């Protein structure tokens, strides 16, 4: 990564930085939620002004919201 500053150019190390954590290996089920997420984010939008899409995933703490999101990201890569 190169940084350009008024003091001159600096380069950081080329160490690998993890972008996202992996989902749990114990994560199972929730295929209905994952299918709905895929349909929502892969559907073409006719609204050119609003190109960013949102999806609200809510529920009590500890029910797997973060794991659903992580699995969705893994499957979409």
N, C-alpha and C. Protein backbone atom coordinates (compact mmCIF):
# COMPACT_ATOMS: atom_id res chain seq x y z
N UNK A 1 0.85 -1.17 0.00
CA UNK A 1 0.00 0.00 0.00
C UNK A 1 0.89 1.22 0.00
N UNK A 2 0.62 2.14 -0.86
CA UNK A 2 1.40 3.36 -0.93
C UNK A 2 0.61 4.52 -0.36
N UNK A 3 1.26 5.31 0.47
CA UNK A 3 0.66 6.51 1.02
C UNK A 3 1.42 7.71 0.46
N UNK A 4 0.70 8.67 -0.05
CA UNK A 4 1.32 9.87 -0.58
C UNK A 4 1.00 11.03 0.36
N UNK A 5 2.03 11.54 0.97
CA UNK A 5 1.85 12.63 1.93
C UNK A 5 2.73 13.79 1.52
N UNK A 6 2.54 14.91 2.22
CA UNK A 6 3.37 16.08 1.93
C UNK A 6 4.82 15.83 2.35
N UNK A 7 5.03 14.87 3.25
CA UNK A 7 6.37 14.56 3.72
C UNK A 7 7.10 13.61 2.79
N UNK A 8 6.43 13.10 1.79
CA UNK A 8 7.05 12.15 0.87
C UNK A 8 6.23 10.88 0.78
N UNK A 9 6.71 9.93 0.01
CA UNK A 9 6.00 8.67 -0.19
C UNK A 9 6.45 7.65 0.84
N UNK A 10 5.48 6.89 1.36
CA UNK A 10 5.79 5.82 2.30
C UNK A 10 5.09 4.56 1.82
N UNK A 11 5.73 3.43 2.02
CA UNK A 11 5.14 2.14 1.65
C UNK A 11 5.03 1.28 2.88
N UNK A 12 3.86 0.66 3.07
CA UNK A 12 3.68 -0.24 4.21
C UNK A 12 4.14 -1.63 3.80
N UNK A 13 4.18 -2.54 4.77
CA UNK A 13 4.59 -3.90 4.46
C UNK A 13 3.51 -4.60 3.64
N UNK A 14 3.87 -5.67 2.97
CA UNK A 14 2.95 -6.44 2.14
C UNK A 14 2.32 -7.59 2.91
N UNK A 15 2.20 -7.45 4.23
CA UNK A 15 1.61 -8.50 5.05
C UNK A 15 0.14 -8.68 4.70
N UNK A 16 -0.32 -9.91 4.75
CA UNK A 16 -1.73 -10.20 4.45
C UNK A 16 -2.60 -9.73 5.60
N UNK A 17 -3.65 -8.99 5.26
CA UNK A 17 -4.60 -8.52 6.25
C UNK A 17 -5.92 -9.22 5.97
N UNK A 18 -6.46 -9.97 6.94
CA UNK A 18 -7.73 -10.65 6.69
C UNK A 18 -8.85 -9.64 6.52
N UNK A 19 -9.62 -9.81 5.46
CA UNK A 19 -10.70 -8.87 5.16
C UNK A 19 -11.95 -9.23 5.96
N UNK A 20 -12.23 -10.50 6.11
CA UNK A 20 -13.42 -10.91 6.84
C UNK A 20 -13.15 -12.22 7.56
N UNK A 21 -13.80 -12.43 8.68
CA UNK A 21 -13.66 -13.72 9.36
C UNK A 21 -14.51 -14.77 8.67
N UNK A 22 -14.18 -16.02 8.85
CA UNK A 22 -14.98 -17.10 8.28
C UNK A 22 -16.17 -17.38 9.18
N UNK A 23 -17.24 -17.92 8.59
CA UNK A 23 -18.39 -18.31 9.40
C UNK A 23 -18.02 -19.56 10.19
N UNK A 24 -18.82 -19.85 11.19
CA UNK A 24 -18.57 -20.99 12.06
C UNK A 24 -18.72 -22.30 11.29
N UNK A 25 -17.88 -23.28 11.60
CA UNK A 25 -18.00 -24.59 10.94
C UNK A 25 -19.24 -25.32 11.44
N UNK A 26 -19.81 -24.87 12.56
CA UNK A 26 -21.02 -25.49 13.11
C UNK A 26 -22.30 -24.86 12.57
N UNK A 27 -22.18 -23.87 11.70
CA UNK A 27 -23.36 -23.20 11.15
C UNK A 27 -24.09 -24.13 10.19
N UNK A 28 -25.37 -24.36 10.43
CA UNK A 28 -26.19 -25.18 9.54
C UNK A 28 -27.56 -24.53 9.41
N UNK A 29 -28.27 -24.95 8.39
CA UNK A 29 -29.63 -24.46 8.21
C UNK A 29 -29.66 -23.04 7.68
N UNK A 30 -30.75 -22.36 7.96
CA UNK A 30 -30.98 -20.98 7.53
C UNK A 30 -30.93 -20.82 6.02
N UNK A 31 -31.18 -21.91 5.28
CA UNK A 31 -31.11 -21.82 3.82
C UNK A 31 -32.19 -20.90 3.27
N UNK A 32 -33.35 -20.82 3.93
CA UNK A 32 -34.40 -19.94 3.45
C UNK A 32 -33.98 -18.48 3.53
N UNK A 33 -33.29 -18.10 4.59
CA UNK A 33 -32.81 -16.73 4.74
C UNK A 33 -31.71 -16.45 3.72
N UNK A 34 -30.81 -17.40 3.52
CA UNK A 34 -29.73 -17.22 2.55
C UNK A 34 -30.27 -17.09 1.13
N UNK A 35 -31.30 -17.85 0.80
CA UNK A 35 -31.91 -17.76 -0.53
C UNK A 35 -32.54 -16.39 -0.73
N UNK A 36 -33.24 -15.89 0.28
CA UNK A 36 -33.86 -14.57 0.17
C UNK A 36 -32.81 -13.47 0.03
N UNK A 37 -31.70 -13.61 0.75
CA UNK A 37 -30.62 -12.63 0.62
C UNK A 37 -30.04 -12.64 -0.79
N UNK A 38 -29.79 -13.83 -1.33
CA UNK A 38 -29.25 -13.93 -2.69
C UNK A 38 -30.20 -13.35 -3.71
N UNK A 39 -31.49 -13.66 -3.58
CA UNK A 39 -32.47 -13.11 -4.52
C UNK A 39 -32.52 -11.58 -4.43
N UNK A 40 -32.47 -11.07 -3.23
CA UNK A 40 -32.56 -9.63 -3.04
C UNK A 40 -31.36 -8.90 -3.64
N UNK A 41 -30.17 -9.38 -3.37
CA UNK A 41 -28.98 -8.67 -3.81
C UNK A 41 -28.57 -8.97 -5.25
N UNK A 42 -29.08 -10.04 -5.83
CA UNK A 42 -28.72 -10.33 -7.22
C UNK A 42 -29.78 -9.84 -8.21
N UNK A 43 -30.95 -9.40 -7.73
CA UNK A 43 -32.01 -8.90 -8.60
C UNK A 43 -31.61 -7.55 -9.19
N UNK A 44 -31.94 -7.35 -10.44
CA UNK A 44 -31.66 -6.08 -11.10
C UNK A 44 -32.64 -5.02 -10.59
N UNK A 45 -32.14 -3.83 -10.38
CA UNK A 45 -32.98 -2.73 -9.91
C UNK A 45 -33.29 -1.79 -11.06
N UNK A 46 -34.55 -1.41 -11.19
CA UNK A 46 -34.94 -0.46 -12.23
C UNK A 46 -34.71 0.98 -11.79
N UNK A 47 -34.49 1.17 -10.52
CA UNK A 47 -34.30 2.51 -9.98
C UNK A 47 -32.83 2.90 -10.10
N UNK A 48 -32.50 3.74 -11.08
CA UNK A 48 -31.11 4.13 -11.32
C UNK A 48 -30.58 5.07 -10.24
N UNK A 49 -31.48 5.80 -9.56
CA UNK A 49 -31.05 6.74 -8.54
C UNK A 49 -30.57 6.00 -7.30
N UNK A 50 -31.26 4.95 -6.92
CA UNK A 50 -30.90 4.18 -5.73
C UNK A 50 -30.28 2.86 -6.16
N UNK A 51 -28.98 2.83 -6.33
CA UNK A 51 -28.31 1.60 -6.76
C UNK A 51 -27.84 0.76 -5.58
N UNK A 52 -27.81 1.33 -4.38
CA UNK A 52 -27.39 0.59 -3.19
C UNK A 52 -28.60 -0.13 -2.59
N UNK A 53 -28.42 -1.39 -2.25
CA UNK A 53 -29.51 -2.17 -1.69
C UNK A 53 -29.26 -2.43 -0.21
N UNK A 54 -30.35 -2.55 0.55
CA UNK A 54 -30.28 -2.80 1.98
C UNK A 54 -31.13 -4.00 2.33
N UNK A 55 -30.78 -4.68 3.40
CA UNK A 55 -31.55 -5.81 3.91
C UNK A 55 -31.40 -5.80 5.41
N UNK A 56 -32.51 -5.71 6.12
CA UNK A 56 -32.47 -5.67 7.57
C UNK A 56 -32.63 -7.07 8.14
N UNK A 57 -31.65 -7.50 8.89
CA UNK A 57 -31.67 -8.79 9.54
C UNK A 57 -31.71 -8.52 11.03
N UNK A 58 -32.79 -8.90 11.69
CA UNK A 58 -32.94 -8.56 13.10
C UNK A 58 -33.38 -9.77 13.91
N UNK A 59 -33.19 -9.69 15.19
CA UNK A 59 -33.58 -10.76 16.09
C UNK A 59 -32.85 -10.63 17.41
N UNK A 60 -33.18 -11.50 18.33
CA UNK A 60 -32.54 -11.49 19.64
C UNK A 60 -31.05 -11.82 19.52
N UNK A 61 -30.31 -11.41 20.49
CA UNK A 61 -28.88 -11.69 20.50
C UNK A 61 -28.60 -13.18 20.59
N UNK A 62 -27.62 -13.64 19.83
CA UNK A 62 -27.21 -15.04 19.92
C UNK A 62 -27.95 -16.00 19.01
N UNK A 63 -28.80 -15.50 18.10
CA UNK A 63 -29.55 -16.43 17.25
C UNK A 63 -28.88 -16.68 15.90
N UNK A 64 -27.76 -16.00 15.62
CA UNK A 64 -26.99 -16.31 14.42
C UNK A 64 -27.03 -15.28 13.31
N UNK A 65 -27.36 -14.04 13.61
CA UNK A 65 -27.42 -13.00 12.57
C UNK A 65 -26.05 -12.79 11.93
N UNK A 66 -25.03 -12.71 12.74
CA UNK A 66 -23.68 -12.51 12.20
C UNK A 66 -23.25 -13.70 11.38
N UNK A 67 -23.55 -14.91 11.82
CA UNK A 67 -23.17 -16.11 11.08
C UNK A 67 -23.90 -16.19 9.73
N UNK A 68 -25.14 -15.75 9.70
CA UNK A 68 -25.88 -15.71 8.43
C UNK A 68 -25.18 -14.76 7.46
N UNK A 69 -24.81 -13.59 7.95
CA UNK A 69 -24.13 -12.62 7.09
C UNK A 69 -22.78 -13.14 6.61
N UNK A 70 -22.02 -13.75 7.50
CA UNK A 70 -20.72 -14.28 7.10
C UNK A 70 -20.86 -15.39 6.07
N UNK A 71 -21.83 -16.29 6.25
CA UNK A 71 -22.05 -17.37 5.29
C UNK A 71 -22.50 -16.80 3.94
N UNK A 72 -23.36 -15.79 3.96
CA UNK A 72 -23.81 -15.15 2.72
C UNK A 72 -22.62 -14.56 1.96
N UNK A 73 -21.74 -13.88 2.67
CA UNK A 73 -20.56 -13.30 2.03
C UNK A 73 -19.68 -14.38 1.44
N UNK A 74 -19.48 -15.49 2.16
CA UNK A 74 -18.67 -16.60 1.65
C UNK A 74 -19.28 -17.19 0.38
N UNK A 75 -20.59 -17.37 0.36
CA UNK A 75 -21.23 -17.99 -0.79
C UNK A 75 -21.28 -17.05 -1.98
N UNK A 76 -21.25 -15.76 -1.78
CA UNK A 76 -21.31 -14.82 -2.88
C UNK A 76 -19.94 -14.55 -3.50
N UNK A 77 -18.87 -14.95 -2.81
CA UNK A 77 -17.52 -14.75 -3.36
C UNK A 77 -17.26 -15.64 -4.54
